[in-house]
Amino acid sequence: MAFMPSDRHWDLRITRRCLREDLRLDPNASGSAEEHVEVHPLVRAFVERRRQSPIGQETFRCGTEVTGLPLYTLHFGDDRGATWHQESVPPGTASQYELGIVWLLGVRTEHDYGGLCALGDDLLPTTEDAQAFIDDQAYTFARVMVEEVPPLLERAERKRGQIVKGVIGDGIRVRLFRDLDDEAPLLTVAISSRPLPGVVTLVPQWQARLVLAFFPADDFATLSVANEIGGQPLEAGESAYCSFAR
């Protein structure tokens, strides 16, 4: 069963320690919990429950005392797990990211809360875990541009003289206008600086990277900032760019 994205504002991740020691997976495997729902029933329970709410119903009292953080228990049959909703970036990582991650910290059988508590601070994600998440999101943003920008350009070409609306990465609103003039076919792209909730985590200078995806490098000589699109004013929060289409 594939899990589809929801409207949640957090990601579900598994720490590398948990991947390696508890689930017996390659620690360099993706930390995305959705990719490992078939590995263990507790991972499936983690995805099903924490995608609905980032916290559980029962505090993991022992783990909270050991780490000083609000950890929660996760039950499935006799299996037990610990989770933590991390809402900010740890020291030493890129400060422009607000992580919004719920971590599966550990998995034990036979009600073994003691085994989880014995891990102490080793339960917690490391800076490498956080960096892996950031790297995953940067890759996802690049993939979104490669996969979603070309169809929008094709729509704008088919609907010359009309403003075409689209959403990149489920949250970045864009509008395109391909001029009717075949002698000097101007393409204008307006990009909102106000992403919708649930957008793919943005990389540094994301808007500039998105502009580069819409306009080939050989168009830079004619690339300009626009103050309207298709004869209409820009919407609040939009920036627009134009160049002659190929």
Protein backbone atom coordinates (compact mmCIF):
# COMPACT_ATOMS: atom_id res chain seq x y z
CA MET A 1 0.00 0.00 0.00
CA ALA A 2 1.40 3.39 -0.97
CA PHE A 3 0.93 6.31 1.37
CA MET A 4 -0.10 9.51 -0.34
CA PRO A 5 1.00 12.92 0.92
CA SER A 6 -1.43 14.64 3.27
CA ASP A 7 -1.92 18.27 4.24
CA ARG A 8 0.34 17.90 7.25
CA HIS A 9 3.12 20.44 7.82
CA TRP A 10 5.70 17.94 9.02
CA ASP A 11 7.77 15.10 7.62
CA LEU A 12 8.03 11.57 9.01
CA ARG A 13 11.61 10.35 9.39
CA ILE A 14 13.55 7.48 10.94
CA THR A 15 16.93 8.12 12.55
CA ARG A 16 19.97 6.40 11.09
CA ARG A 17 20.62 4.64 14.37
CA CYS A 18 17.11 3.21 14.31
CA LEU A 19 17.47 2.21 10.65
CA ARG A 20 20.71 0.39 11.36
CA GLU A 21 20.31 -1.12 14.81
CA ASP A 22 16.57 -1.60 15.27
CA LEU A 23 15.31 -2.23 11.74
CA ARG A 24 18.51 -3.81 10.36
CA LEU A 25 18.51 -1.58 7.30
CA ASP A 26 21.34 0.23 5.57
CA PRO A 27 21.90 3.40 7.65
CA ASN A 28 22.42 5.29 4.40
CA ALA A 29 18.96 4.31 3.17
CA SER A 30 16.42 7.08 2.89
CA GLY A 31 15.22 8.33 6.25
CA SER A 32 11.70 8.83 4.89
CA ALA A 33 9.42 6.60 6.94
CA GLU A 34 6.94 6.25 4.08
CA GLU A 35 9.55 4.30 2.13
CA HIS A 36 9.86 1.64 4.84
CA VAL A 37 6.27 0.85 5.83
CA GLU A 38 6.66 -2.77 4.72
CA VAL A 39 9.79 -3.35 6.84
CA HIS A 40 8.13 -3.43 10.26
CA PRO A 41 4.55 -3.07 11.54
CA LEU A 42 5.64 -0.34 13.94
CA VAL A 43 6.92 1.75 11.03
CA ARG A 44 3.52 1.39 9.36
CA ALA A 45 1.80 2.41 12.61
CA PHE A 46 4.17 5.38 12.88
CA VAL A 47 3.25 6.61 9.40
CA GLU A 48 -0.48 6.03 9.84
CA ARG A 49 -0.74 7.71 13.24
CA ARG A 50 1.84 10.47 13.13
CA ARG A 51 0.71 11.66 9.73
CA GLN A 52 -2.54 12.54 11.54
CA SER A 53 -0.90 14.15 14.57
CA PRO A 54 2.80 14.86 15.27
CA ILE A 55 2.44 13.81 18.90
CA GLY A 56 1.05 10.74 20.60
CA GLN A 57 -1.45 10.23 23.37
CA GLU A 58 1.05 8.97 25.95
CA THR A 59 4.26 10.67 27.00
CA PHE A 60 7.30 8.42 27.05
CA ARG A 61 8.05 9.39 30.63
CA CYS A 62 11.37 7.58 30.99
CA GLY A 63 12.67 8.86 27.65
CA THR A 64 11.54 12.39 28.44
CA GLU A 65 13.38 12.31 31.76
CA VAL A 66 16.55 10.98 30.11
CA THR A 67 16.63 13.37 27.13
CA GLY A 68 14.78 16.38 28.54
CA LEU A 69 12.56 16.43 25.45
CA PRO A 70 8.83 15.68 25.06
CA LEU A 71 8.95 12.13 23.65
CA TYR A 72 5.89 9.97 23.01
CA THR A 73 5.25 6.26 22.96
CA LEU A 74 4.06 4.29 19.97
CA HIS A 75 2.33 0.90 20.37
CA PHE A 76 1.62 -1.89 17.93
CA GLY A 77 0.84 -5.29 19.48
CA ASP A 78 3.71 -6.01 21.85
CA ASP A 79 6.10 -3.72 19.93
CA ARG A 80 7.02 -0.35 21.37
CA GLY A 81 8.55 2.74 19.88
CA ALA A 82 9.49 6.29 20.79
CA THR A 83 8.80 9.40 18.71
CA TRP A 84 9.71 13.07 18.87
CA HIS A 85 8.31 16.09 17.06
CA GLN A 86 11.30 18.27 16.24
CA GLU A 87 10.24 21.75 15.24
CA SER A 88 13.55 23.60 14.85
CA VAL A 89 17.05 23.15 13.52
CA PRO A 90 19.84 21.85 15.77
CA PRO A 91 23.04 23.90 16.17
CA GLY A 92 25.50 23.36 13.35
CA THR A 93 22.95 22.90 10.55
CA ALA A 94 21.69 25.34 7.95
CA SER A 95 19.71 27.90 9.93
CA GLN A 96 17.30 28.77 7.10
CA TYR A 97 15.46 25.46 7.54
CA GLU A 98 12.61 24.89 9.89
CA LEU A 99 12.56 21.13 9.98
CA GLY A 100 9.09 20.23 11.19
CA ILE A 101 9.99 16.54 11.49
CA VAL A 102 8.46 13.74 13.53
CA TRP A 103 11.19 11.18 14.22
CA LEU A 104 10.84 7.49 14.88
CA LEU A 105 13.64 7.21 17.43
CA GLY A 106 13.63 3.54 18.29
CA VAL A 107 11.83 0.20 18.05
CA ARG A 108 11.71 -2.56 20.66
CA THR A 109 9.71 -5.77 21.14
CA GLU A 110 7.99 -7.24 24.22
CA HIS A 111 7.06 -3.89 25.81
CA ASP A 112 10.78 -3.11 26.18
CA TYR A 113 10.64 0.53 27.23
CA GLY A 114 13.72 -0.06 29.34
CA GLY A 115 15.74 -0.89 26.24
CA LEU A 116 14.74 2.41 24.69
CA CYS A 117 15.50 4.38 27.85
CA ALA A 118 18.92 2.75 28.09
CA LEU A 119 19.89 4.45 24.82
CA GLY A 120 19.79 7.84 26.54
CA ASP A 121 20.70 10.69 24.20
CA ASP A 122 21.59 8.13 21.52
CA LEU A 123 17.85 7.97 20.92
CA LEU A 124 17.93 11.44 19.42
CA PRO A 125 18.63 12.34 15.80
CA THR A 126 22.10 13.63 15.02
CA THR A 127 23.15 16.56 12.87
CA GLU A 128 23.81 13.96 10.15
CA ASP A 129 20.15 12.94 10.34
CA ALA A 130 19.10 16.57 9.93
CA GLN A 131 21.52 17.11 7.05
CA ALA A 132 20.24 13.98 5.30
CA PHE A 133 16.73 15.42 5.49
CA ILE A 134 17.91 18.73 4.03
CA ASP A 135 19.76 16.93 1.24
CA ASP A 136 16.67 14.85 0.46
CA GLN A 137 14.54 17.97 0.22
CA ALA A 138 17.06 19.75 -2.00
CA TYR A 139 16.96 16.78 -4.37
CA THR A 140 13.17 16.78 -4.28
CA PHE A 141 13.06 20.47 -5.19
CA ALA A 142 15.39 19.87 -8.14
CA ARG A 143 13.23 16.97 -9.30
CA VAL A 144 10.08 19.08 -9.02
CA MET A 145 11.60 21.70 -11.32
CA VAL A 146 12.68 19.11 -13.88
CA GLU A 147 9.33 17.32 -13.89
CA GLU A 148 6.82 20.15 -13.46
CA VAL A 149 8.24 23.18 -15.29
CA PRO A 150 8.26 21.73 -18.86
CA PRO A 151 4.52 20.86 -18.86
CA LEU A 152 3.71 24.42 -17.80
CA LEU A 153 5.83 25.81 -20.62
CA GLU A 154 4.01 23.53 -23.06
CA ARG A 155 0.62 24.71 -21.77
CA ALA A 156 1.67 28.34 -22.17
CA GLU A 157 2.79 27.61 -25.74
CA ARG A 158 -0.54 25.94 -26.59
CA LYS A 159 -2.53 28.77 -25.01
CA ARG A 160 -0.74 31.76 -26.45
CA GLY A 161 -2.33 35.03 -25.46
CA GLN A 162 -3.78 33.52 -22.27
CA ILE A 163 -2.47 33.56 -18.73
CA VAL A 164 -1.76 30.01 -17.62
CA LYS A 165 -1.83 29.27 -13.89
CA GLY A 166 0.02 26.46 -12.15
CA VAL A 167 1.41 25.26 -8.85
CA ILE A 168 4.96 23.93 -8.55
CA GLY A 169 5.77 21.41 -5.81
CA ASP A 170 2.19 21.51 -4.49
CA GLY A 171 2.66 25.03 -3.18
CA ILE A 172 4.60 27.53 -5.33
CA ARG A 173 2.07 29.45 -7.39
CA VAL A 174 3.15 30.55 -10.86
CA ARG A 175 1.52 32.25 -13.84
CA LEU A 176 2.80 32.16 -17.42
CA PHE A 177 1.94 34.26 -20.46
CA ARG A 178 3.20 33.50 -23.98
CA ASP A 179 2.77 36.47 -26.29
CA LEU A 180 0.94 35.95 -29.59
CA ASP A 181 3.62 37.77 -31.60
CA ASP A 182 5.58 35.15 -33.55
CA GLU A 183 8.20 37.71 -34.55
CA ALA A 184 9.12 38.47 -30.95
CA PRO A 185 7.38 35.83 -28.81
CA LEU A 186 7.79 37.17 -25.29
CA LEU A 187 7.36 34.76 -22.38
CA THR A 188 6.48 36.20 -18.96
CA VAL A 189 6.57 34.15 -15.77
CA ALA A 190 5.21 35.43 -12.45
CA ILE A 191 6.23 33.57 -9.28
CA SER A 192 4.58 34.05 -5.91
CA SER A 193 6.89 34.55 -2.95
CA ARG A 194 4.18 33.24 -0.64
CA PRO A 195 4.18 29.43 -0.86
CA LEU A 196 1.06 27.58 0.13
CA PRO A 197 1.14 25.28 3.19
CA GLY A 198 2.52 21.85 2.40
CA VAL A 199 4.97 22.99 -0.28
CA VAL A 200 8.12 20.95 -0.75
CA THR A 201 10.77 22.29 1.64
CA LEU A 202 12.48 25.15 -0.16
CA VAL A 203 16.20 25.28 -0.82
CA PRO A 204 18.26 28.48 -0.49
CA GLN A 205 17.63 30.98 -3.30
CA TRP A 206 14.74 28.82 -4.48
CA GLN A 207 13.09 31.58 -6.48
CA ALA A 208 16.23 32.29 -8.51
CA ARG A 209 16.59 28.57 -9.21
CA LEU A 210 13.00 28.41 -10.38
CA VAL A 211 13.53 31.33 -12.75
CA LEU A 212 16.51 29.48 -14.23
CA ALA A 213 14.27 26.47 -14.86
CA PHE A 214 11.82 28.56 -16.92
CA PHE A 215 14.37 30.46 -18.98
CA PRO A 216 17.27 28.71 -20.78
CA ALA A 217 20.75 30.07 -20.19
CA ASP A 218 20.94 31.56 -23.71
CA ASP A 219 17.93 33.77 -22.91
CA PHE A 220 19.72 35.62 -20.11
CA ALA A 221 20.79 38.44 -22.38
CA THR A 222 17.14 39.41 -22.83
CA LEU A 223 15.85 38.37 -19.38
CA SER A 224 14.14 41.28 -17.64
CA VAL A 225 12.02 42.01 -14.61
CA ALA A 226 8.38 42.65 -15.52
CA ASN A 227 5.76 44.72 -13.72
CA GLU A 228 2.73 43.04 -15.32
CA ILE A 229 1.72 39.80 -16.99
CA GLY A 230 -0.53 39.57 -20.04
CA GLY A 231 -1.62 43.16 -19.55
CA GLN A 232 -2.75 42.47 -15.99
CA PRO A 233 -1.16 43.76 -12.77
CA LEU A 234 0.89 41.40 -10.65
CA GLU A 235 -0.76 39.86 -7.61
CA ALA A 236 0.43 40.62 -4.10
CA GLY A 237 3.72 38.87 -3.43
CA GLU A 238 4.48 38.08 -7.08
CA SER A 239 7.69 38.77 -8.96
CA ALA A 240 7.69 38.53 -12.74
CA TYR A 241 10.37 37.92 -15.33
CA CYS A 242 10.24 37.95 -19.11
CA SER A 243 12.35 36.97 -22.09
CA PHE A 244 11.80 36.11 -25.72
CA ALA A 245 10.61 32.52 -26.06
CA ARG A 246 12.24 30.08 -28.44
